Protein backbone atom coordinates (compact mmCIF):
# COMPACT_ATOMS: atom_id res chain seq x y z
CA MET A 1 -6.33 9.25 -5.62
CA LEU A 2 -9.79 7.90 -5.34
CA CYS A 3 -10.33 4.72 -7.46
CA HIS A 4 -13.49 2.77 -8.03
CA ILE A 5 -13.01 -0.74 -7.87
CA LYS A 6 -16.52 -1.86 -9.41
CA GLU A 7 -16.11 -5.55 -9.65
CA TYR A 8 -16.52 -5.31 -5.63
CA GLY A 9 -18.27 -1.94 -5.25
CA LYS A 10 -15.52 -0.73 -3.30
CA TYR A 11 -13.55 3.01 -3.26
CA VAL A 12 -10.04 3.06 -2.44
CA ALA A 13 -8.50 6.30 -1.42
CA ILE A 14 -4.62 5.99 -2.22
CA THR A 15 -2.45 8.98 -1.04
CA GLY A 16 0.67 9.66 0.76
CA TYR A 17 1.96 12.02 3.71
CA ARG A 18 5.08 13.51 4.59
CA ASN A 19 6.62 14.97 7.89
CA VAL A 20 4.51 12.35 9.84
CA THR A 21 5.37 11.10 13.48
CA PHE A 22 4.73 7.33 13.99
CA GLU A 23 2.98 8.10 17.38
CA ARG A 24 0.33 10.20 15.98
CA ALA A 25 -0.15 7.95 13.07
CA ASP A 26 -0.47 4.63 15.01
CA ALA A 27 -2.44 6.30 17.58
CA PHE A 28 -4.74 6.97 14.45
CA LEU A 29 -4.61 3.86 12.99
CA LYS A 30 -5.29 2.12 16.75
CA ALA A 31 -8.54 4.49 16.97
CA SER A 32 -9.85 3.85 13.40
CA ARG A 33 -9.89 0.32 13.53
CA LYS A 34 -13.25 0.66 15.25
CA LYS A 35 -14.57 2.39 11.89
CA ALA A 36 -16.04 0.59 9.27
CA GLN A 37 -13.60 2.00 7.00
CA GLN A 38 -10.60 -0.14 6.31
CA ILE A 39 -7.26 1.90 6.55
CA GLN A 40 -3.61 0.64 6.43
CA PHE A 41 -0.83 2.87 6.77
CA PHE A 42 2.70 2.00 4.71
CA ASP A 43 5.98 2.95 4.48
CA ALA A 44 5.70 5.42 1.45
CA ASN A 45 9.69 5.01 0.92
CA LEU A 46 8.75 1.29 -0.40
CA ILE A 47 5.91 1.84 -2.33
CA ALA A 48 6.37 1.30 -5.88
CA THR A 49 3.78 4.03 -6.91
CA TRP A 50 -0.01 4.04 -6.38
CA GLU A 51 -0.40 0.90 -8.75
CA HIS A 52 1.43 -0.86 -6.17
CA LEU A 53 -1.15 -0.28 -3.49
CA TYR A 54 -4.19 -0.41 -5.83
CA PHE A 55 -3.23 -3.59 -6.98
CA ALA A 56 -2.34 -4.94 -3.79
CA THR A 57 -6.43 -3.70 -2.61
CA LEU A 58 -7.62 -5.76 -5.70
CA ASN A 59 -5.89 -8.60 -4.42
CA ALA A 60 -7.27 -8.36 -0.64
CA LEU A 61 -10.79 -7.90 -2.09
CA ARG A 62 -10.49 -10.90 -4.14
CA SER A 63 -8.97 -12.75 -1.90
CA PHE A 64 -11.93 -12.04 0.81
CA GLN A 65 -14.35 -12.78 -2.02
CA SER A 66 -12.90 -16.33 -2.58
CA GLY A 67 -12.18 -17.57 0.87
CA THR A 68 -8.95 -17.40 0.40
CA ASN A 69 -7.75 -14.44 2.65
CA VAL A 70 -4.97 -15.18 5.33
CA SER A 71 -6.11 -12.37 8.03
CA LYS A 72 -9.39 -11.39 9.28
CA SER A 73 -9.10 -7.60 8.09
CA LEU A 74 -9.06 -6.41 4.66
CA ALA A 75 -6.75 -3.69 6.05
CA MET A 76 -4.24 -6.79 6.59
CA GLU A 77 -4.97 -8.58 4.01
CA THR A 78 -3.73 -5.30 1.84
CA MET A 79 -0.70 -5.14 3.93
CA LEU A 80 0.25 -9.00 3.17
CA TYR A 81 -0.39 -8.44 -0.60
CA ALA A 82 1.50 -4.69 -1.03
CA SER A 83 4.53 -7.01 1.15
CA GLY A 84 4.47 -9.82 -1.18
CA VAL A 85 4.25 -12.67 2.00
CA ARG A 86 1.95 -14.17 3.60
CA GLN A 87 3.23 -13.60 7.22
CA ILE A 88 1.59 -10.71 8.99
CA GLN A 89 4.77 -10.25 11.00
CA LYS A 90 6.92 -9.98 7.86
CA ALA A 91 4.46 -8.12 6.03
CA ILE A 92 4.62 -5.23 9.04
CA GLY A 93 8.22 -5.49 9.10
CA ARG A 94 8.88 -5.15 5.41
CA LEU A 95 6.18 -2.27 4.69
CA GLY A 96 4.49 -1.13 8.20
CA ILE A 97 5.25 2.48 9.44
CA LYS A 98 8.05 2.11 12.25
CA PRO A 99 9.28 4.53 14.49
CA GLN A 100 11.50 6.32 12.45
CA THR A 101 9.03 6.63 9.53
CA THR A 102 8.52 10.01 8.07
CA CYS A 103 6.76 9.29 4.92
CA MET A 104 3.69 7.53 4.61
CA ALA A 105 1.17 6.29 2.38
CA VAL A 106 -2.24 5.07 2.97
CA THR A 107 -4.70 2.83 1.60
CA VAL A 108 -8.65 3.71 2.82
CA THR A 109 -11.46 1.27 1.44
CA GLY A 110 -14.78 1.73 1.68
CA ASP A 111 -18.43 1.05 -0.01
CA ASP A 112 -19.17 5.05 -0.04
CA PRO A 113 -16.43 7.43 -1.73
CA LYS A 114 -17.66 10.34 0.55
CA GLU A 115 -16.91 8.29 3.69
CA VAL A 116 -13.60 7.04 1.98
CA GLU A 117 -12.75 10.94 1.58
CA GLY A 118 -13.90 12.05 5.01
CA VAL A 119 -11.64 9.16 6.80
CA LEU A 120 -8.79 10.52 4.32
CA ARG A 121 -9.74 14.35 6.11
CA GLU A 122 -9.73 12.75 9.38
CA VAL A 123 -6.19 11.20 8.90
CA SER A 124 -4.85 14.30 7.47
CA LEU A 125 -6.14 16.27 10.78
CA TYR A 126 -4.72 13.60 13.02
CA VAL A 127 -1.22 13.54 11.52
CA GLY A 128 -0.95 17.25 11.16
CA SER A 129 -0.33 16.95 7.37
CA GLU A 130 -2.04 17.45 4.22
CA PRO A 131 -2.00 14.45 1.89
CA ASP A 132 1.07 14.34 -0.92
CA GLU A 133 0.51 11.96 -3.72
CA THR A 134 3.79 12.71 -4.96
CA MET A 135 5.33 10.53 -1.75
CA LEU A 136 4.12 7.94 -4.10
CA GLU A 137 6.15 8.66 -7.32
CA MET A 138 9.37 6.49 -7.74
CA THR A 139 12.93 8.40 -7.51
CA ALA A 140 16.30 6.80 -7.73
CA GLU A 141 16.68 6.16 -4.08
CA LYS A 142 13.51 4.93 -3.32
CA ALA A 143 13.82 2.37 -6.32
CA GLU A 144 16.79 1.25 -4.72
CA LYS A 145 15.31 0.41 -1.21
CA ILE A 146 12.43 -1.15 -3.29
CA LYS A 147 14.92 -3.89 -5.38
CA ALA A 148 16.16 -4.85 -2.23
CA ALA A 149 13.04 -5.05 0.29
CA PHE A 150 11.14 -7.32 -2.91
CA ASN A 151 14.57 -9.00 -3.90
CA ILE A 152 14.56 -7.83 -7.43
CA SER A 153 18.03 -7.63 -9.50
CA GLU A 154 18.96 -5.52 -12.25
CA PRO A 155 18.93 -8.34 -14.47
CA GLU A 156 15.51 -9.12 -13.78
CA ILE A 157 14.82 -5.28 -14.76
CA GLN A 158 16.86 -5.37 -17.98
CA THR A 159 14.61 -8.25 -19.30
CA ILE A 160 11.59 -6.60 -19.14
CA GLU A 161 12.14 -2.40 -19.31
CA LYS A 162 11.44 -0.80 -22.41
CA ASN A 163 12.85 2.19 -23.61
CA GLY A 164 15.27 2.33 -20.86
CA ASP A 165 12.37 2.88 -18.47
CA SER A 166 13.74 0.89 -15.42
CA ASN A 167 11.46 2.49 -13.06
CA THR A 168 8.15 1.22 -15.12
CA ALA A 169 9.71 -1.72 -15.06
CA LEU A 170 10.73 -1.95 -11.42
CA VAL A 171 6.70 -1.09 -10.68
CA GLY A 172 5.70 -3.91 -13.17
CA LEU A 173 7.86 -6.52 -11.23
CA VAL A 174 6.29 -5.78 -7.61
CA VAL A 175 2.66 -5.66 -8.95
CA GLU A 176 3.74 -8.80 -10.26
CA ARG A 177 5.23 -9.89 -6.74
CA VAL A 178 1.84 -8.81 -5.17
CA ALA A 179 0.13 -10.86 -7.72
CA LEU A 180 1.56 -14.35 -7.38
CA LEU A 181 1.35 -13.80 -3.67
CA ALA A 182 -2.13 -15.53 -4.26
CA THR A 183 -0.64 -18.63 -5.49
CA GLN A 184 1.37 -18.80 -2.33
CA LEU A 185 -1.33 -20.71 -0.44
């Protein structure tokens, strides 16, 4: 999914990959840091839909614009917001890819949509897998992992859920935690 964040003049591609190996993803991530594009990989099993990463990216862009960013790169700032914590090591520990990661989410942020899409094609070639946006969808198993990672309780979900849609409530609570990170200076 490619989104245009007009207020910052940026494009962000958000997608997932299935059956990846850490070594290939990690090697690509290290090699790609030299590019103008901003790339970040996440454990897709802890991503609460594309909205989670969209709002993390939006908040990261806002932090750079306002000078409140904690990290030096947009990619790491996106990781911080997506994880809901201010410490880089804790953020990576919560949402970063690990040797056992096989389901990966990725964000690529840049000024030109063609360049962003080109970087996604490079990621696909490197990891040996095609983008799979279904990796970002909520499942019952994934919801349990997300609740544990973000310390979200059932009563919290029940308080805001409408029409018995606990998944939408969970996504809303994760996005709220992403936004609240900005207040933790």
